[in-house]
C-alpha cells in the first residue's frame, strides 16, 4: 500500500511539471494543441491526487465507526476518478459539437 501512495505522489509531481511546462509553452507559442496537452496533464494531476487521497484514507486502521477498516475508500476514489473522466469527456463532446455548428 505504501508503494502505491509513493507512485501516486511521483505521478502527481511529474504530471504537474508537464502540465505547467506544456501550458506555458503553448501560451508562449500560441499552440492550442500544446496547451490542450497541458490541460490533459492537469487532469492527470487531479486523478492522481484523488487516488493518493483514497489510498491514504484506505490505509487507516479500523476504529469504532469502521471495525473492518477503511479499505472501501480506495473503491470510492476509483469511482470518483471515473466520474471526473466522464464529466471531462462530456464537456469535450459538447464543445466539439458547438465548434462544428459554429463553423458553418
Protein backbone atom coordinates (compact mmCIF):
# COMPACT_ATOMS: atom_id res chain seq x y z
CA UNK A 1 0.00 0.00 0.00
CA UNK A 2 2.82 2.38 0.83
CA UNK A 3 4.43 1.79 -2.58
CA UNK A 4 1.16 2.70 -4.29
CA UNK A 5 0.95 6.01 -2.45
CA UNK A 6 4.57 6.74 -3.33
CA UNK A 7 3.89 6.06 -7.01
CA UNK A 8 0.81 8.29 -6.89
CA UNK A 9 2.90 11.13 -5.43
CA UNK A 10 5.55 10.67 -8.13
CA UNK A 11 2.79 10.74 -10.74
CA UNK A 12 1.42 13.98 -9.28
CA UNK A 13 4.83 15.69 -9.37
CA UNK A 14 5.66 14.53 -12.91
CA UNK A 15 2.21 15.37 -14.30
CA UNK A 16 2.21 18.78 -12.60
CA UNK A 17 5.62 19.57 -14.09
CA UNK A 18 4.46 18.52 -17.55
CA UNK A 19 1.19 20.45 -17.19
CA UNK A 20 2.94 23.68 -16.24
CA UNK A 21 5.54 23.23 -18.98
CA UNK A 22 3.01 22.47 -21.72
CA UNK A 23 0.57 25.23 -20.77
CA UNK A 24 3.43 27.74 -20.62
CA UNK A 25 4.94 26.57 -23.92
CA UNK A 26 1.53 26.53 -25.58
CA UNK A 27 0.72 30.00 -24.34
CA UNK A 28 4.09 31.43 -25.43
CA UNK A 29 3.96 29.78 -28.85
CA UNK A 30 0.23 30.22 -29.43
CA UNK A 31 -0.18 26.48 -30.00
CA UNK A 32 -3.62 25.23 -29.00
CA UNK A 33 -2.57 21.58 -29.19
CA UNK A 34 0.36 22.05 -26.78
CA UNK A 35 -1.90 23.99 -24.40
CA UNK A 36 -4.51 21.21 -24.63
CA UNK A 37 -1.84 18.64 -23.76
CA UNK A 38 -1.01 20.74 -20.70
CA UNK A 39 -4.62 20.66 -19.59
CA UNK A 40 -4.68 16.90 -20.14
CA UNK A 41 -1.72 16.59 -17.78
CA UNK A 42 -3.57 18.81 -15.29
CA UNK A 43 -6.41 16.28 -15.40
CA UNK A 44 -3.88 13.56 -14.66
CA UNK A 45 -2.77 15.55 -11.61
CA UNK A 46 -6.36 15.67 -10.36
CA UNK A 47 -6.88 11.93 -10.94
CA UNK A 48 -3.60 11.02 -9.23
CA UNK A 49 -4.44 13.27 -6.29
CA UNK A 50 -7.81 11.57 -5.85
CA UNK A 51 -6.13 8.15 -6.00
CA UNK A 52 -3.47 9.21 -3.49
CA UNK A 53 -6.05 10.53 -1.02
CA UNK A 54 -8.18 7.41 -1.43
CA UNK A 55 -5.20 5.15 -0.76
CA UNK A 56 -4.18 7.24 2.23
CA UNK A 57 -7.65 7.05 3.75
CA UNK A 58 -7.92 3.33 2.97
CA UNK A 59 -4.71 2.59 4.85
CA UNK A 60 -6.09 3.86 8.15
CA UNK A 61 -6.56 1.15 10.78
CA UNK A 62 -10.01 0.02 11.95
CA UNK A 63 -11.77 2.20 14.52
CA UNK A 64 -15.11 2.17 16.36
CA UNK A 65 -17.04 3.55 13.39
CA UNK A 66 -15.26 1.31 10.86
CA UNK A 67 -14.49 -2.01 12.57
CA UNK A 68 -13.48 -3.66 9.27
CA UNK A 69 -11.15 -0.84 8.27
CA UNK A 70 -11.32 1.86 5.64
CA UNK A 71 -10.46 -0.17 2.54
CA UNK A 72 -13.56 0.92 0.64
CA UNK A 73 -12.14 4.43 0.29
CA UNK A 74 -9.92 3.06 -2.48
CA UNK A 75 -13.01 1.91 -4.39
CA UNK A 76 -14.69 5.25 -3.77
CA UNK A 77 -11.61 7.06 -5.13
CA UNK A 78 -11.73 4.94 -8.29
CA UNK A 79 -15.41 5.75 -8.73
CA UNK A 80 -14.69 9.45 -8.29
CA UNK A 81 -11.90 9.34 -10.90
CA UNK A 82 -14.31 7.63 -13.30
CA UNK A 83 -16.92 10.32 -12.72
CA UNK A 84 -14.36 13.08 -13.33
CA UNK A 85 -13.31 11.40 -16.60
CA UNK A 86 -16.94 11.03 -17.66
CA UNK A 87 -17.60 14.70 -16.93
CA UNK A 88 -14.48 15.78 -18.84
CA UNK A 89 -15.48 13.62 -21.81
CA UNK A 90 -18.97 15.13 -21.79
CA UNK A 91 -17.58 18.67 -21.74
CA UNK A 92 -15.22 17.86 -24.62
CA UNK A 93 -18.11 16.40 -26.64
CA UNK A 94 -20.31 19.45 -26.05
CA UNK A 95 -17.52 21.82 -27.07
CA UNK A 96 -16.80 19.71 -30.15
CA UNK A 97 -20.44 19.80 -31.27
CA UNK A 98 -20.59 23.56 -30.65
CA UNK A 99 -17.42 24.06 -32.66
CA UNK A 100 -18.83 22.07 -35.58
CA UNK A 101 -22.10 24.02 -35.51
CA UNK A 102 -20.34 27.40 -35.41
CA UNK A 103 -18.06 26.60 -38.34
CA UNK A 104 -20.93 26.56 -40.87
